């Protein structure tokens, strides 16, 4: 096992360790959500689970979406838009807008006009954003995340990994809450 994962004790809750480096930062838990913007389960998970956990743990919890398309026949534009917004410091804002646009407004095609509206809503510069999209880097980041998910056996969305090496298959909010709390408690005892 690479990276630190609590030599003294394991966190409470249901999980399994995966052979990946730990991304843990003392006093913070990183929740990596392998998700598909078109997946209704991911939209529900975002609205119900991650939003509540963010409210409860505040800046001690960082939620990162890893684009993992599982719904066939959809263009990667939404994922590329998220990656570009993330690189410009507005990933969470774009994530929220994309889920709302796809699941509430039922819009699935992100042409340049719609992109411009969403980009403007996040407060980003449309021209710089489009240049970033055209660079191909957002698509490469999407492909990198997909490859990582495949390497660790992600087969469905949402899939959650805490701190890079704690796979959480039981996505019940209480199980995730217990795990996050336990990791943060261990940080207090390690200091």
Protein backbone atom coordinates (compact mmCIF):
# COMPACT_ATOMS: atom_id res chain seq x y z
CA UNK A 1 0.00 0.00 0.00
CA UNK A 2 1.47 3.35 -0.97
CA UNK A 3 1.08 6.52 1.02
CA UNK A 4 -0.05 7.02 4.59
CA UNK A 5 -3.12 5.25 5.74
CA UNK A 6 -3.26 5.26 9.47
CA UNK A 7 -0.74 2.79 10.77
CA UNK A 8 -2.23 3.08 14.26
CA UNK A 9 -5.86 2.31 13.46
CA UNK A 10 -8.33 2.01 10.62
CA UNK A 11 -11.31 4.34 10.33
CA UNK A 12 -14.79 3.25 11.37
CA UNK A 13 -17.34 2.43 8.66
CA UNK A 14 -17.60 0.12 5.67
CA UNK A 15 -14.82 0.49 3.09
CA UNK A 16 -11.94 -1.31 1.47
CA UNK A 17 -8.43 -0.10 0.88
CA UNK A 18 -7.21 0.01 -2.69
CA UNK A 19 -3.61 -0.05 -3.81
CA UNK A 20 -3.33 3.63 -4.67
CA UNK A 21 -1.34 6.45 -3.09
CA UNK A 22 -3.04 8.34 -0.30
CA UNK A 23 -4.00 11.93 -1.08
CA UNK A 24 -4.74 12.62 2.58
CA UNK A 25 -4.03 16.06 3.95
CA UNK A 26 -4.17 16.41 7.76
CA UNK A 27 -7.45 17.97 8.85
CA UNK A 28 -9.14 17.39 5.49
CA UNK A 29 -10.77 14.47 3.68
CA UNK A 30 -10.89 14.40 -0.11
CA UNK A 31 -14.04 12.74 -1.47
CA UNK A 32 -13.46 11.65 -5.06
CA UNK A 33 -16.73 10.97 -6.83
CA UNK A 34 -16.50 9.04 -10.08
CA UNK A 35 -19.63 10.39 -11.76
CA UNK A 36 -21.46 10.80 -15.03
CA UNK A 37 -23.26 14.13 -15.49
CA UNK A 38 -26.03 12.29 -17.35
CA UNK A 39 -26.54 9.70 -14.57
CA UNK A 40 -29.66 10.39 -12.46
CA UNK A 41 -28.06 8.56 -9.50
CA UNK A 42 -25.07 10.93 -9.63
CA UNK A 43 -27.40 13.93 -9.71
CA UNK A 44 -29.27 12.58 -6.67
CA UNK A 45 -25.99 11.80 -4.87
CA UNK A 46 -24.83 15.38 -5.51
CA UNK A 47 -28.09 16.89 -4.25
CA UNK A 48 -28.60 14.64 -1.24
CA UNK A 49 -25.30 13.21 -0.05
CA UNK A 50 -22.41 15.48 -1.01
CA UNK A 51 -24.34 18.70 -0.37
CA UNK A 52 -25.22 17.55 3.17
CA UNK A 53 -21.71 16.32 3.89
CA UNK A 54 -20.24 19.62 2.65
CA UNK A 55 -22.56 21.53 4.98
CA UNK A 56 -21.64 19.30 7.91
CA UNK A 57 -17.86 19.14 7.41
CA UNK A 58 -17.29 22.50 5.69
CA UNK A 59 -13.72 23.11 4.58
CA UNK A 60 -12.60 19.83 6.21
CA UNK A 61 -14.18 18.03 3.21
CA UNK A 62 -13.12 18.60 -0.38
CA UNK A 63 -15.36 17.04 -3.01
CA UNK A 64 -13.82 16.39 -6.43
CA UNK A 65 -15.72 14.98 -9.38
CA UNK A 66 -13.87 12.56 -11.63
CA UNK A 67 -15.69 12.34 -14.95
CA UNK A 68 -16.58 8.73 -15.66
CA UNK A 69 -19.08 8.50 -18.55
CA UNK A 70 -21.28 5.40 -18.36
CA UNK A 71 -24.38 6.65 -20.22
CA UNK A 72 -23.85 5.72 -23.86
CA UNK A 73 -24.40 8.04 -26.79
CA UNK A 74 -23.55 11.31 -25.02
CA UNK A 75 -20.86 13.73 -26.16
CA UNK A 76 -18.05 14.47 -23.67
CA UNK A 77 -18.73 18.24 -23.78
CA UNK A 78 -20.22 18.46 -20.25
CA UNK A 79 -17.19 16.67 -18.81
CA UNK A 80 -14.78 18.88 -20.74
CA UNK A 81 -16.65 21.99 -19.53
CA UNK A 82 -16.34 20.81 -15.95
CA UNK A 83 -12.62 20.08 -16.35
CA UNK A 84 -12.00 23.50 -17.90
CA UNK A 85 -13.99 25.28 -15.17
CA UNK A 86 -12.10 23.28 -12.53
CA UNK A 87 -8.78 24.38 -14.01
CA UNK A 88 -10.01 27.99 -13.77
CA UNK A 89 -11.09 27.61 -10.12
CA UNK A 90 -14.84 27.23 -10.71
CA UNK A 91 -15.32 23.45 -10.86
CA UNK A 92 -18.00 23.22 -8.12
CA UNK A 93 -20.01 26.05 -9.71
CA UNK A 94 -19.89 24.45 -13.16
CA UNK A 95 -20.70 21.02 -11.72
CA UNK A 96 -23.86 22.37 -10.13
CA UNK A 97 -24.89 24.16 -13.34
CA UNK A 98 -24.27 21.10 -15.50
CA UNK A 99 -26.32 18.79 -13.25
CA UNK A 100 -29.14 21.35 -13.16
CA UNK A 101 -29.06 21.92 -16.93
CA UNK A 102 -29.11 18.20 -17.73
CA UNK A 103 -31.52 16.90 -15.06
CA UNK A 104 -33.81 19.84 -14.28
CA UNK A 105 -33.89 21.74 -17.59
CA UNK A 106 -33.47 18.51 -19.63
CA UNK A 107 -30.88 20.05 -21.96
CA UNK A 108 -28.24 17.61 -23.18
CA UNK A 109 -26.55 19.42 -26.07
CA UNK A 110 -23.96 22.03 -25.13
CA UNK A 111 -23.53 24.16 -28.24
CA UNK A 112 -21.45 27.33 -28.16
CA UNK A 113 -24.44 29.56 -27.26
CA UNK A 114 -25.45 27.44 -24.26
CA UNK A 115 -21.82 27.08 -23.20
CA UNK A 116 -21.46 30.88 -23.26
CA UNK A 117 -24.49 31.27 -20.98
CA UNK A 118 -23.22 28.70 -18.48
CA UNK A 119 -19.68 30.06 -18.55
CA UNK A 120 -20.97 33.57 -17.89
CA UNK A 121 -23.08 32.28 -14.97
CA UNK A 122 -19.90 30.98 -13.33
CA UNK A 123 -18.22 34.36 -13.77
CA UNK A 124 -15.52 33.04 -16.06
CA UNK A 125 -14.20 34.72 -19.19
CA UNK A 126 -15.95 33.05 -22.14
CA UNK A 127 -13.10 33.59 -24.59
CA UNK A 128 -10.44 32.19 -22.25
CA UNK A 129 -12.74 29.29 -21.35
CA UNK A 130 -13.30 28.39 -25.03
CA UNK A 131 -9.55 28.63 -25.69
CA UNK A 132 -8.99 26.21 -22.83
CA UNK A 133 -11.57 23.80 -24.26
CA UNK A 134 -9.96 24.00 -27.70
CA UNK A 135 -6.53 23.16 -26.23
CA UNK A 136 -7.61 19.57 -25.67
CA UNK A 137 -6.38 19.57 -22.07
CA UNK A 138 -9.88 19.15 -20.54
CA UNK A 139 -10.43 16.05 -22.71
CA UNK A 140 -7.04 14.65 -21.69
CA UNK A 141 -7.95 15.20 -18.03
CA UNK A 142 -11.25 13.36 -18.61
CA UNK A 143 -9.40 10.46 -20.24
CA UNK A 144 -6.90 10.37 -17.37
CA UNK A 145 -9.74 10.17 -14.81
CA UNK A 146 -11.50 7.43 -16.80
CA UNK A 147 -8.29 5.41 -17.00
CA UNK A 148 -7.78 5.76 -13.24
CA UNK A 149 -11.36 4.61 -12.61
CA UNK A 150 -10.92 1.61 -14.86
CA UNK A 151 -7.63 0.73 -13.14
CA UNK A 152 -9.30 0.64 -9.72
CA UNK A 153 -12.34 -1.26 -10.98
CA UNK A 154 -15.01 1.43 -11.23
CA UNK A 155 -17.95 -0.05 -13.14
CA UNK A 156 -20.83 2.25 -12.22
CA UNK A 157 -21.59 5.74 -11.04
CA UNK A 158 -21.49 7.18 -8.54
CA UNK A 159 -18.45 5.47 -7.07
CA UNK A 160 -16.70 7.09 -4.10
CA UNK A 161 -13.05 6.96 -3.06
CA UNK A 162 -11.89 8.87 0.02
CA UNK A 163 -8.37 10.30 0.13
CA UNK A 164 -7.36 8.39 -3.00
CA UNK A 165 -7.21 4.90 -1.48
CA UNK A 166 -10.38 4.21 0.55
CA UNK A 167 -13.07 2.72 -1.71
CA UNK A 168 -16.58 3.20 -0.32
CA UNK A 169 -19.09 0.78 -1.83
CA UNK A 170 -21.83 1.43 0.75
CA UNK A 171 -22.92 4.93 -0.29
CA UNK A 172 -25.38 5.39 2.55
CA UNK A 173 -24.81 8.90 3.85
CA UNK A 174 -24.39 7.63 7.41
CA UNK A 175 -21.58 5.26 6.38
CA UNK A 176 -19.75 8.03 4.53
CA UNK A 177 -20.29 10.44 7.45
CA UNK A 178 -18.83 7.88 9.90
CA UNK A 179 -15.78 7.31 7.67
CA UNK A 180 -15.08 11.02 7.21
CA UNK A 181 -15.55 11.72 10.92
CA UNK A 182 -13.31 8.82 11.87
CA UNK A 183 -10.50 9.96 9.55
CA UNK A 184 -10.72 13.51 10.89
CA UNK A 185 -10.73 12.21 14.50
CA UNK A 186 -7.57 10.19 13.77
CA UNK A 187 -5.91 13.38 12.52
CA UNK A 188 -6.64 15.02 15.87
CA UNK A 189 -5.05 12.10 17.72
CA UNK A 190 -2.02 12.00 15.40
CA UNK A 191 -1.15 15.63 16.19
